[in-house]
């Protein structure tokens, strides 16, 4: 079985937690502006890479928090792709007054490519 977890906001954080629990079945993890896990010991147990989608204008999950997360992933030996968009938190949510159509489209294409790679074969 191959599992890729994917989530937005609160679900983005749970996408990462799910990947930690899935063990060898985890082949990928997509986090849209989710709360990072910073316990390097836990991150070392990941069996998949991480695609993180974040916003530069996020007042909660800011660039410093994400930079620390990326450093911790690298310390743990976890391959990762972190992509920032000049947008606000929850930019991909069409019901958000600060929805960013271009950032959403770009992130969608990135995620779609990632998913196709994970489920090729």
Protein backbone atom coordinates (compact mmCIF):
# COMPACT_ATOMS: atom_id res chain seq x y z
CA UNK A 1 0.00 0.00 0.00
CA UNK A 2 1.22 3.51 -0.86
CA UNK A 3 -0.16 6.46 1.07
CA UNK A 4 0.29 10.17 0.48
CA UNK A 5 -1.22 12.37 3.16
CA UNK A 6 -2.47 15.83 2.23
CA UNK A 7 -4.06 18.57 4.31
CA UNK A 8 -4.70 22.28 4.64
CA UNK A 9 -4.22 24.43 7.75
CA UNK A 10 -5.00 22.25 10.80
CA UNK A 11 -5.14 19.34 8.38
CA UNK A 12 -1.71 20.27 7.06
CA UNK A 13 -0.23 19.61 10.46
CA UNK A 14 -2.17 16.37 10.68
CA UNK A 15 -0.93 15.38 7.24
CA UNK A 16 2.58 15.41 8.68
CA UNK A 17 1.52 13.55 11.83
CA UNK A 18 -0.24 10.97 9.65
CA UNK A 19 2.92 10.46 7.57
CA UNK A 20 4.84 9.88 10.79
CA UNK A 21 2.38 7.14 11.77
CA UNK A 22 2.10 5.45 8.35
CA UNK A 23 5.63 4.02 8.44
CA UNK A 24 6.71 2.22 5.28
CA UNK A 25 3.32 2.83 3.64
CA UNK A 26 3.98 6.57 3.53
CA UNK A 27 5.32 7.61 0.14
CA UNK A 28 4.61 11.32 0.44
CA UNK A 29 3.24 14.14 2.56
CA UNK A 30 1.74 17.43 1.44
CA UNK A 31 1.29 20.19 4.01
CA UNK A 32 -0.56 23.35 3.08
CA UNK A 33 0.37 25.91 5.77
CA UNK A 34 0.17 23.35 8.57
CA UNK A 35 1.90 23.47 11.95
CA UNK A 36 5.31 21.84 11.62
CA UNK A 37 6.69 19.09 13.82
CA UNK A 38 10.03 20.18 15.24
CA UNK A 39 11.08 17.11 17.17
CA UNK A 40 14.07 15.93 15.12
CA UNK A 41 13.88 12.49 16.74
CA UNK A 42 10.31 12.08 15.44
CA UNK A 43 11.20 13.52 12.04
CA UNK A 44 13.96 10.92 11.68
CA UNK A 45 11.23 8.24 11.65
CA UNK A 46 9.66 9.61 8.46
CA UNK A 47 9.84 7.20 5.54
CA UNK A 48 8.81 9.78 2.92
CA UNK A 49 9.62 13.23 1.70
CA UNK A 50 7.65 16.38 2.48
CA UNK A 51 6.11 18.96 0.16
CA UNK A 52 5.35 22.06 2.21
CA UNK A 53 3.22 24.88 0.83
CA UNK A 54 3.41 28.05 2.92
CA UNK A 55 2.52 31.74 2.74
CA UNK A 56 4.91 34.62 3.33
CA UNK A 57 2.18 36.74 4.94
CA UNK A 58 1.09 34.17 7.50
CA UNK A 59 0.86 35.65 10.99
CA UNK A 60 0.76 32.25 12.69
CA UNK A 61 2.99 29.89 10.71
CA UNK A 62 5.61 32.44 9.76
CA UNK A 63 8.81 32.15 7.73
CA UNK A 64 10.95 31.71 10.85
CA UNK A 65 8.84 28.76 12.00
CA UNK A 66 9.00 27.16 8.56
CA UNK A 67 12.74 27.81 8.24
CA UNK A 68 13.29 26.04 11.57
CA UNK A 69 11.13 23.16 10.32
CA UNK A 70 13.16 22.89 7.13
CA UNK A 71 16.42 22.92 9.10
CA UNK A 72 15.06 20.18 11.36
CA UNK A 73 13.97 18.12 8.34
CA UNK A 74 17.44 18.41 6.87
CA UNK A 75 19.04 17.51 10.23
CA UNK A 76 16.77 14.45 10.31
CA UNK A 77 17.77 13.53 6.76
CA UNK A 78 14.27 14.04 5.36
CA UNK A 79 14.08 15.15 1.74
CA UNK A 80 11.81 18.16 1.47
CA UNK A 81 10.52 20.81 -0.89
CA UNK A 82 9.29 23.95 0.82
CA UNK A 83 7.48 26.45 -1.40
CA UNK A 84 6.49 29.92 -0.22
CA UNK A 85 3.85 32.04 -1.93
CA UNK A 86 3.46 35.79 -1.56
CA UNK A 87 0.05 35.30 0.01
CA UNK A 88 -1.83 35.03 3.28
CA UNK A 89 -2.63 32.00 5.42
CA UNK A 90 -5.33 29.82 3.81
CA UNK A 91 -4.70 31.44 0.42
CA UNK A 92 -5.95 28.30 -1.37
CA UNK A 93 -9.36 28.41 0.33
CA UNK A 94 -11.85 29.98 -2.12
CA UNK A 95 -14.12 31.05 0.77
CA UNK A 96 -11.25 33.05 2.30
CA UNK A 97 -11.56 36.80 1.59
CA UNK A 98 -7.79 36.74 0.99
CA UNK A 99 -7.98 33.84 -1.45
CA UNK A 100 -5.15 34.13 -3.98
CA UNK A 101 -6.14 32.61 -7.31
CA UNK A 102 -2.66 32.66 -8.86
CA UNK A 103 -0.92 31.21 -5.79
CA UNK A 104 -3.63 28.54 -5.56
CA UNK A 105 -3.19 27.61 -9.21
CA UNK A 106 0.60 27.43 -8.87
CA UNK A 107 0.44 25.35 -5.68
CA UNK A 108 -2.13 23.05 -7.26
CA UNK A 109 0.17 22.36 -10.21
CA UNK A 110 3.08 21.67 -7.85
CA UNK A 111 0.99 19.27 -5.77
CA UNK A 112 -0.45 17.54 -8.83
CA UNK A 113 3.06 16.92 -10.20
CA UNK A 114 4.15 15.62 -6.79
CA UNK A 115 1.19 13.23 -6.56
CA UNK A 116 1.72 11.93 -10.08
CA UNK A 117 5.34 11.16 -9.22
CA UNK A 118 4.33 9.33 -6.04
CA UNK A 119 1.78 7.13 -7.77
CA UNK A 120 3.65 6.49 -11.03
CA UNK A 121 3.99 2.78 -11.85
